[in-house]
Protein backbone atom coordinates (compact mmCIF):
# COMPACT_ATOMS: atom_id res chain seq x y z
CA MET A 1 128.14 111.74 158.28
CA LYS A 2 125.60 109.28 156.93
CA LYS A 3 125.49 107.96 153.35
CA VAL A 4 122.31 107.39 151.38
CA GLU A 5 121.26 106.43 147.85
CA LEU A 6 118.91 108.94 146.19
CA LYS A 7 117.05 109.13 142.89
CA CYS A 8 116.18 112.34 141.03
CA ASP A 9 112.60 112.59 139.78
CA ARG A 10 112.52 116.03 138.16
CA LEU A 11 114.13 119.49 138.03
CA ASN A 12 112.85 122.56 139.84
CA GLU A 13 112.85 126.06 138.33
CA ARG A 14 116.48 126.60 139.44
CA GLY A 15 117.72 123.45 137.71
CA GLN A 16 118.12 121.47 140.94
CA GLY A 17 117.28 117.78 141.08
CA VAL A 18 114.15 117.07 143.12
CA GLY A 19 113.16 113.80 144.78
CA GLN A 20 112.09 112.19 148.03
CA TYR A 21 114.09 111.00 151.02
CA GLY A 22 111.58 109.52 153.40
CA ARG A 23 109.04 112.26 154.04
CA GLU A 24 111.49 114.96 153.03
CA THR A 25 111.64 116.53 149.56
CA PHE A 26 115.22 117.26 148.55
CA GLU A 27 116.56 119.81 146.06
CA ILE A 28 120.13 119.05 144.98
CA PRO A 29 122.26 120.88 142.38
CA ASN A 30 124.12 118.89 139.71
CA PHE A 31 121.58 116.03 139.85
CA LEU A 32 119.48 115.19 136.78
CA PRO A 33 116.17 113.32 136.27
CA LYS A 34 116.41 109.49 136.49
CA GLU A 35 119.91 109.69 137.94
CA VAL A 36 120.81 107.67 141.03
CA GLY A 37 123.64 108.77 143.30
CA ILE A 38 125.32 108.24 146.64
CA PHE A 39 125.15 111.27 148.92
CA SER A 40 126.43 112.10 152.39
CA PHE A 41 124.60 114.23 154.94
CA ASP A 42 124.62 115.12 158.61
CA GLU A 43 121.58 113.43 160.14
CA ASP A 44 121.84 115.57 163.29
CA LYS A 45 121.02 118.75 161.39
CA LYS A 46 117.40 119.85 161.10
CA TYR A 47 117.69 120.79 157.42
CA GLN A 48 119.59 118.23 155.40
CA LYS A 49 122.23 119.32 152.92
CA PHE A 50 123.15 116.40 150.70
CA LYS A 51 126.66 116.25 149.27
CA LEU A 52 127.26 114.18 146.16
CA ILE A 53 129.82 111.39 146.49
CA LYS A 54 129.20 109.40 143.31
CA ILE A 55 126.68 109.13 140.48
CA LEU A 56 125.64 105.47 140.06
CA LYS A 57 123.27 105.90 137.13
CA THR A 58 123.89 108.75 134.67
CA SER A 59 121.23 110.67 132.76
CA PRO A 60 121.53 111.00 128.96
CA MET A 61 121.10 114.74 129.62
CA ARG A 62 124.47 114.91 131.37
CA THR A 63 127.61 116.27 129.72
CA GLU A 64 131.18 116.76 130.87
CA VAL A 65 131.66 119.92 132.94
CA LYS A 66 134.84 121.78 132.00
CA CYS A 67 134.62 124.28 134.86
CA ASP A 68 136.63 123.27 137.93
CA VAL A 69 134.50 125.32 140.36
CA PHE A 70 131.08 124.36 138.98
CA ASN A 71 129.85 122.78 142.22
CA LEU A 72 131.05 125.74 144.30
CA CYS A 73 130.46 128.93 142.31
CA GLY A 74 126.94 130.32 142.20
CA GLY A 75 127.24 131.74 138.68
CA CYS A 76 126.19 128.81 136.49
CA GLN A 77 123.76 126.04 137.39
CA LEU A 78 123.28 124.04 134.16
CA LEU A 79 126.80 123.38 132.85
CA HIS A 80 126.31 119.67 133.53
CA MET A 81 123.38 119.62 131.09
CA LYS A 82 123.66 119.21 127.31
CA TYR A 83 122.74 122.41 125.54
CA ASP A 84 119.62 121.06 123.81
CA ASP A 85 118.40 119.91 127.22
CA GLN A 86 119.12 123.34 128.71
CA ILE A 87 116.85 124.86 126.05
CA ALA A 88 114.13 122.25 126.66
CA PHE A 89 114.37 122.90 130.41
CA LYS A 90 113.92 126.66 129.94
CA GLN A 91 110.98 126.11 127.61
CA ARG A 92 109.32 123.84 130.19
CA ILE A 93 109.85 126.37 133.00
CA VAL A 94 108.22 129.17 130.99
CA GLU A 95 105.35 126.99 129.80
CA GLU A 96 104.66 125.74 133.33
CA CYS A 97 104.45 129.33 134.60
CA PHE A 98 101.92 130.19 131.89
CA LYS A 99 99.92 127.03 132.61
CA LYS A 100 99.75 127.86 136.33
CA GLY A 101 98.50 131.32 135.39
CA LYS A 102 95.90 129.76 133.07
CA LEU A 103 97.32 131.67 130.12
CA PRO A 104 98.11 130.32 126.62
CA PHE A 105 101.37 128.48 127.22
CA LYS A 106 102.70 127.49 123.80
CA ILE A 107 106.09 129.04 122.99
CA ASP A 108 106.13 130.21 119.38
CA THR A 109 109.87 130.65 118.88
CA ILE A 110 113.05 129.67 120.72
CA ILE A 111 116.29 131.40 119.79
CA PRO A 112 119.27 129.38 121.08
CA ALA A 113 122.73 130.90 121.45
CA LYS A 114 125.44 130.15 118.92
CA LYS A 115 128.12 130.98 121.50
CA GLN A 116 127.86 128.81 124.59
CA THR A 117 131.13 129.99 126.17
CA ALA A 118 132.86 133.39 126.45
CA TYR A 119 129.59 135.18 125.70
CA ARG A 120 129.56 137.76 128.51
CA ASN A 121 130.75 141.33 127.90
CA LYS A 122 131.18 142.10 131.61
CA MET A 123 133.13 140.44 134.42
CA GLN A 124 133.31 141.42 138.07
CA VAL A 125 135.42 139.72 140.73
CA ALA A 126 136.29 140.32 144.37
CA TYR A 127 139.77 140.05 145.92
CA LYS A 128 140.58 138.66 149.38
CA TYR A 129 143.46 137.36 151.48
CA ARG A 130 143.43 133.61 152.01
CA GLU A 131 146.24 131.91 153.93
CA GLY A 132 148.47 134.92 153.33
CA LYS A 133 147.90 135.01 149.56
CA ILE A 134 145.64 137.20 147.45
CA VAL A 135 142.86 135.26 145.73
CA TYR A 136 140.09 136.47 143.45
CA GLY A 137 136.84 135.09 142.16
CA PHE A 138 133.07 135.02 142.43
CA TYR A 139 130.99 134.58 145.54
CA GLU A 140 129.73 131.16 146.51
CA GLU A 141 125.96 130.97 146.11
CA GLU A 142 124.11 132.59 149.03
CA SER A 143 127.35 133.52 150.81
CA HIS A 144 130.18 136.05 150.83
CA ARG A 145 132.86 133.38 150.59
CA ILE A 146 135.00 133.85 147.49
CA ILE A 147 135.47 130.87 145.21
CA HIS A 148 138.93 131.27 143.70
CA LEU A 149 139.08 130.70 139.96
CA ASN A 150 141.75 130.65 137.30
CA HIS A 151 139.43 130.87 134.31
CA CYS A 152 135.69 131.38 133.83
CA LEU A 153 134.14 129.67 130.80
CA VAL A 154 131.44 132.26 130.17
CA GLN A 155 133.83 135.22 130.28
CA SER A 156 136.15 136.16 127.41
CA GLU A 157 139.86 135.43 127.36
CA ARG A 158 140.62 139.15 127.72
CA GLN A 159 138.44 139.51 130.81
CA ASN A 160 139.97 136.43 132.41
CA GLU A 161 143.56 137.51 131.80
CA ILE A 162 142.98 141.07 133.11
CA VAL A 163 141.51 140.03 136.49
CA LYS A 164 144.27 137.45 136.90
CA TYR A 165 147.01 139.99 136.16
CA VAL A 166 145.49 142.45 138.66
CA GLN A 167 146.11 139.81 141.32
CA GLN A 168 149.80 139.75 140.33
CA ILE A 169 150.07 143.56 140.35
CA MET A 170 148.51 143.70 143.81
CA GLN A 171 151.09 141.24 145.13
CA GLN A 172 153.99 143.05 143.43
CA LEU A 173 152.93 146.53 144.61
CA LYS A 174 151.73 145.27 148.02
CA LEU A 175 148.19 146.54 147.46
CA SER A 176 145.90 144.90 150.00
CA PRO A 177 142.48 143.42 149.19
CA TYR A 178 139.46 144.60 151.14
CA ASN A 179 138.51 142.84 154.38
CA GLU A 180 134.73 142.92 154.66
CA ASP A 181 134.61 142.27 158.41
CA LYS A 182 137.28 144.78 159.44
CA ARG A 183 136.50 147.22 156.60
CA THR A 184 140.23 147.56 155.92
CA GLY A 185 142.31 147.05 152.80
CA LEU A 186 142.29 148.84 149.46
CA ILE A 187 140.88 146.91 146.49
CA ARG A 188 137.33 145.59 146.80
CA PHE A 189 136.44 144.59 143.26
CA VAL A 190 137.64 144.79 139.68
CA LEU A 191 135.16 145.01 136.81
CA VAL A 192 135.99 144.56 133.14
CA ARG A 193 133.59 145.71 130.41
CA GLU A 194 134.34 144.72 126.82
CA ALA A 195 132.73 146.04 123.63
CA HIS A 196 131.66 143.30 121.23
CA VAL A 197 132.04 145.21 117.94
CA THR A 198 134.72 147.84 118.65
CA GLY A 199 136.82 145.69 120.99
CA GLU A 200 137.22 148.57 123.47
CA VAL A 201 137.88 147.51 127.07
CA MET A 202 137.14 149.32 130.33
CA VAL A 203 138.71 148.33 133.66
CA ILE A 204 137.06 149.61 136.86
CA VAL A 205 139.00 149.28 140.13
CA VAL A 206 136.74 149.64 143.16
CA THR A 207 138.71 150.96 146.14
CA ASN A 208 137.91 151.40 149.82
CA GLY A 209 138.54 155.16 149.85
CA ASP A 210 140.04 157.73 147.50
CA ILE A 211 143.71 157.17 148.41
CA PHE A 212 145.23 154.73 145.90
CA PRO A 213 148.95 154.08 146.59
CA SER A 214 151.05 153.32 143.50
CA ARG A 215 148.12 154.34 141.33
CA SER A 216 150.26 155.52 138.41
CA GLU A 217 152.35 152.35 138.46
CA PHE A 218 149.21 150.19 138.67
CA VAL A 219 147.78 151.90 135.59
CA LYS A 220 151.10 151.73 133.71
CA ARG A 221 151.48 148.00 134.28
CA LEU A 222 147.94 147.28 133.13
CA LYS A 223 148.35 149.40 129.99
CA ASP A 224 151.75 147.90 129.15
CA LYS A 225 150.50 144.34 129.57
CA PHE A 226 147.21 144.83 127.71
CA PRO A 227 147.43 147.58 125.05
CA TYR A 228 143.81 146.89 124.09
CA ILE A 229 142.58 148.48 127.35
CA THR A 230 141.09 151.83 126.32
CA THR A 231 140.07 153.28 129.69
CA ILE A 232 140.73 152.68 133.41
CA ILE A 233 138.51 154.07 136.18
CA GLN A 234 138.87 154.21 139.96
CA ASN A 235 135.50 153.83 141.66
CA ILE A 236 135.44 154.82 145.34
CA ASN A 237 133.22 152.78 147.65
CA ASN A 238 133.90 152.95 151.39
CA ARG A 239 130.35 152.16 152.45
CA LYS A 240 129.40 149.09 154.44
CA THR A 241 127.31 147.56 151.69
CA SER A 242 127.16 144.64 149.29
CA ILE A 243 126.58 147.08 146.41
CA ILE A 244 129.68 146.91 144.25
CA LEU A 245 130.00 150.44 142.85
CA GLY A 246 130.18 153.67 144.85
CA GLU A 247 129.05 157.14 143.76
CA GLU A 248 132.44 158.83 143.21
CA GLU A 249 134.75 158.02 140.30
CA ARG A 250 138.06 159.14 138.82
CA ILE A 251 139.20 158.52 135.29
CA LEU A 252 142.77 157.22 135.54
CA PHE A 253 143.27 156.63 131.82
CA GLY A 254 141.31 157.14 128.61
CA LYS A 255 137.91 158.71 128.03
CA GLY A 256 135.99 157.11 130.91
CA TYR A 257 133.63 155.06 128.75
CA ILE A 258 133.65 152.53 125.94
CA GLU A 259 131.61 152.49 122.74
CA ASP A 260 129.85 149.57 121.14
CA TYR A 261 127.23 148.92 118.47
CA LEU A 262 123.90 147.10 118.54
CA LEU A 263 122.11 146.69 115.20
CA GLY A 264 124.22 149.49 113.74
CA ILE A 265 123.47 151.97 116.55
CA LYS A 266 126.42 153.31 118.54
CA PHE A 267 126.22 153.30 122.34
CA LYS A 268 128.43 154.94 124.94
CA ILE A 269 128.76 152.63 127.93
CA SER A 270 129.83 154.13 131.25
CA SER A 271 130.93 152.18 134.31
CA LYS A 272 127.41 152.06 135.79
CA ALA A 273 125.35 151.92 132.61
CA PHE A 274 123.09 148.91 132.23
CA PHE A 275 123.89 147.08 129.01
CA GLN A 276 122.77 143.55 128.16
CA ILE A 277 125.60 141.11 128.90
CA ASN A 278 125.22 138.91 125.80
CA PRO A 279 125.49 141.23 122.77
CA GLU A 280 124.88 138.60 120.06
CA GLN A 281 121.67 137.39 121.67
CA THR A 282 120.64 140.95 122.54
CA GLU A 283 120.54 141.80 118.84
CA LYS A 284 118.28 138.80 118.21
CA LEU A 285 116.06 139.85 121.11
CA TYR A 286 115.70 143.40 119.79
CA GLN A 287 115.04 142.14 116.27
CA LYS A 288 112.18 140.10 117.71
CA VAL A 289 110.82 143.19 119.52
CA GLU A 290 111.07 145.10 116.22
CA GLU A 291 109.23 142.29 114.44
CA TYR A 292 106.47 142.24 117.06
CA ALA A 293 106.06 146.03 116.91
CA SER A 294 105.65 145.98 113.09
CA LEU A 295 105.94 149.75 112.89
CA THR A 296 104.88 151.67 109.78
CA GLY A 297 106.18 155.16 110.65
CA THR A 298 102.94 156.54 112.08
CA GLU A 299 103.11 155.13 115.62
CA VAL A 300 103.86 156.73 118.98
CA VAL A 301 105.88 154.25 121.05
CA VAL A 302 106.59 154.23 124.79
CA ASP A 303 109.80 152.48 125.89
CA ALA A 304 109.28 151.90 129.63
CA TYR A 305 112.19 151.00 131.91
CA SER A 306 114.30 152.16 128.99
CA GLY A 307 117.79 151.96 130.53
CA VAL A 308 120.34 153.48 128.16
CA GLY A 309 117.72 153.59 125.41
CA THR A 310 118.69 150.52 123.41
CA ILE A 311 115.20 149.22 122.55
CA GLY A 312 113.76 152.69 121.99
CA MET A 313 116.49 153.69 119.55
CA VAL A 314 116.10 150.46 117.59
CA LEU A 315 112.36 151.15 117.24
CA ALA A 316 112.81 154.87 116.49
CA LYS A 317 114.02 153.99 112.98
CA LYS A 318 110.45 153.06 112.01
CA ALA A 319 108.32 155.00 114.52
CA LYS A 320 106.83 158.48 114.36
CA GLN A 321 107.88 159.21 117.95
CA VAL A 322 109.45 157.25 120.83
CA ILE A 323 109.10 158.25 124.49
CA GLY A 324 111.57 156.60 126.87
CA VAL A 325 111.16 156.59 130.64
CA GLU A 326 113.80 155.45 133.12
CA SER A 327 114.40 156.16 136.82
CA SER A 328 118.24 156.19 136.68
CA LYS A 329 119.66 159.67 136.03
CA GLN A 330 122.89 158.32 134.60
CA ALA A 331 121.06 155.92 132.29
CA VAL A 332 118.83 158.74 130.99
CA SER A 333 121.88 160.94 130.46
CA ASN A 334 123.58 158.13 128.54
CA ALA A 335 120.41 157.44 126.53
CA SER A 336 120.01 161.09 125.51
CA ALA A 337 123.69 161.31 124.55
CA ASN A 338 123.40 158.08 122.55
CA ALA A 339 120.36 159.37 120.65
CA TYR A 340 122.15 162.65 119.87
CA GLU A 341 125.30 160.82 118.76
CA ASN A 342 123.25 158.64 116.39
CA LYS A 343 121.25 161.63 115.05
CA ILE A 344 117.98 160.07 116.22
CA ARG A 345 115.71 163.08 116.61
CA ASN A 346 112.31 161.43 117.13
CA ILE A 347 113.08 160.06 120.59
CA LYS A 348 113.02 161.75 124.00
CA PHE A 349 113.99 160.27 127.36
CA TYR A 350 112.52 161.25 130.73
CA CYS A 351 113.98 160.56 134.16
CA HIS A 352 110.94 159.42 136.12
CA ASP A 353 109.51 156.45 137.92
CA ALA A 354 107.80 154.45 135.16
CA THR A 355 104.57 153.97 137.12
CA GLU A 356 104.17 157.67 137.98
CA PHE A 357 105.08 158.66 134.43
CA LEU A 358 102.40 156.43 132.90
CA LYS A 359 99.80 157.64 135.42
CA GLN A 360 100.57 161.22 134.35
CA MET A 361 100.18 160.21 130.69
CA VAL A 362 96.71 158.93 131.55
CA LYS A 363 95.84 162.27 133.21
CA ASP A 364 97.18 164.16 130.18
CA ASN A 365 95.19 161.89 127.85
CA VAL A 366 98.28 161.08 125.75
CA GLY A 367 97.62 158.75 122.83
CA ILE A 368 100.11 155.91 122.26
CA ASP A 369 100.10 153.00 119.83
CA VAL A 370 102.77 150.61 121.14
CA LEU A 371 104.16 150.15 124.64
CA VAL A 372 107.37 148.20 125.19
CA MET A 373 108.32 147.33 128.76
CA ASP A 374 111.53 145.74 130.04
CA PRO A 375 111.17 145.87 133.84
CA PRO A 376 113.59 144.43 136.42
CA ARG A 377 113.32 140.82 137.58
CA SER A 378 110.70 141.86 140.15
CA GLY A 379 108.37 142.86 137.31
CA SER A 380 106.13 145.90 137.06
CA THR A 381 103.49 147.38 139.38
CA THR A 382 99.72 146.99 139.37
CA GLU A 383 99.38 150.77 138.98
CA PHE A 384 101.62 150.72 135.90
CA LEU A 385 99.58 147.91 134.35
CA ASN A 386 96.30 149.67 135.14
CA ALA A 387 97.69 152.76 133.41
CA ILE A 388 98.28 150.62 130.31
CA LEU A 389 94.61 149.59 130.44
CA SER A 390 93.66 153.28 130.51
CA LEU A 391 96.07 154.34 127.74
CA LYS A 392 94.88 151.49 125.48
CA PRO A 393 97.91 151.05 123.18
CA GLN A 394 97.20 148.64 120.33
CA LYS A 395 100.21 146.51 121.26
CA VAL A 396 102.10 145.72 124.46
CA ILE A 397 105.50 144.05 124.14
CA TYR A 398 106.82 142.70 127.43
CA VAL A 399 110.51 141.76 127.72
CA SER A 400 111.02 139.69 130.87
CA CYS A 401 113.86 137.91 132.65
CA ASP A 402 111.53 136.17 135.13
CA PRO A 403 108.58 134.11 133.85
CA THR A 404 106.87 134.14 137.26
CA THR A 405 106.56 137.93 137.43
CA LEU A 406 105.84 138.04 133.69
CA VAL A 407 102.76 135.83 134.10
CA ARG A 408 101.66 137.74 137.20
CA ASP A 409 101.72 141.00 135.24
CA LEU A 410 100.10 139.57 132.10
CA LYS A 411 97.17 138.38 134.22
CA VAL A 412 96.38 142.03 135.02
CA LEU A 413 96.15 142.79 131.29
CA GLU A 414 94.14 139.65 130.51
CA GLY A 415 90.78 140.36 128.94
CA ALA A 416 91.72 143.74 127.54
CA TYR A 417 94.72 142.18 125.79
CA LYS A 418 95.30 138.88 124.04
CA ILE A 419 98.64 137.05 123.96
CA GLU A 420 99.67 136.73 120.31
CA ASN A 421 103.25 135.41 120.44
CA LYS A 422 105.97 134.40 122.88
CA THR A 423 109.67 133.97 122.16
CA ILE A 424 112.42 132.62 124.40
CA VAL A 425 115.87 134.09 123.73
CA ASP A 426 118.66 132.21 125.49
CA MET A 427 120.73 135.08 126.84
CA PHE A 428 122.31 133.26 129.78
CA VAL A 429 123.77 129.94 128.64
CA GLY A 430 124.64 127.54 131.46
CA THR A 431 122.24 129.21 133.91
CA TYR A 432 118.57 128.75 134.76
CA HIS A 433 117.82 132.37 133.85
CA VAL A 434 115.54 132.80 130.86
CA GLU A 435 114.61 135.82 128.75
CA CYS A 436 111.15 135.90 127.21
CA VAL A 437 109.49 138.48 124.95
CA THR A 438 105.69 138.44 124.72
CA LEU A 439 103.44 140.26 122.26
CA MET A 440 99.94 141.24 123.35
CA SER A 441 97.35 142.98 121.20
CA ARG A 442 94.31 144.89 122.40
CA THR A 443 91.05 143.03 122.05
CA LYS A 444 88.12 144.72 120.34
CA GLU A 445 85.79 146.43 122.78
């Protein structure tokens, strides 16, 4: 192994330090601008992977990292950065994307998080044998190697103590963890979902097949240790896949779902239901969407990629009618049940592909006033965006978790729509992920 002194010039969009080593551009995690460090690398390898030995010159952006697996786990990338600098970094990343797209780049509002630790309402870990002992944790970035952890800073105390105790139960009851290569063993993953307002807790045990030895004792020990657990589910997944949850489930204890509130609206959350992972920041995000919509009670609103209906139900309070469209059957079922439970009668959810649904609305000449879209990280489709141009809503509100695909999609609407406002909501503290909500209004023809 060879040692070399390197200097960081800037950060890339993933928060990695970027600089030059000879003719090669390096990208190194946990390395901040203007820092100088000693690194080791294998000069015989075609693609260099630099390993930090020592920081010689420290950036004023750097802070103490309290996570003992920060350099190994792929979950958080910015824990070494002071929080104000994390926010500034995310603002720069979004603004640079807009500049590259030749769109107005100024961010109007940034909403930082008050909670910078224990903010997640969901935790999922895998279990494996290592040197004869059961370990649990998250996957190393870009690998299937488990990084064992004792405590995760961004998960709650309850979530941390449940997944740790499951490890003990497995050892006591001789329940084997899943072996990915041999496809043997019982327990693949454990997920914990925790309601922010009600405090209800769901534990999902993902097993390699429906047979679950000592199932009753497993459930009893969990319930006795943690009386706050309100439901336990066995999810069966014996497929050769990296997808965590299988299709079949059994309720082992409780009602099979938890309930939580967002902005006073009650939501039933099933094991597979998508629900934003940072509830405090989610409320701020939805309040911003509500502000941008500025509804008066006369508008028809489309909530595209509606999930379990959270945004649509928030807007329904001030809209004439809300139409939600979502491709997941379970999410639509949950959304409809949530609307019924909350006595929201001016909203209807449809299980369809969002693009095909909007194209049909164009054919049917449906009039809409506001369109809200919250697509996956990959963004929307050109056909969907062209349908917006045909439907001509007065406002388009785009909620995005990837500024690159956001800008790509906004470019399609450029000309017919003008960007009015952009807000960054820091949903994912300690990571490079950034949530942005953009308001566009239709230009006069």
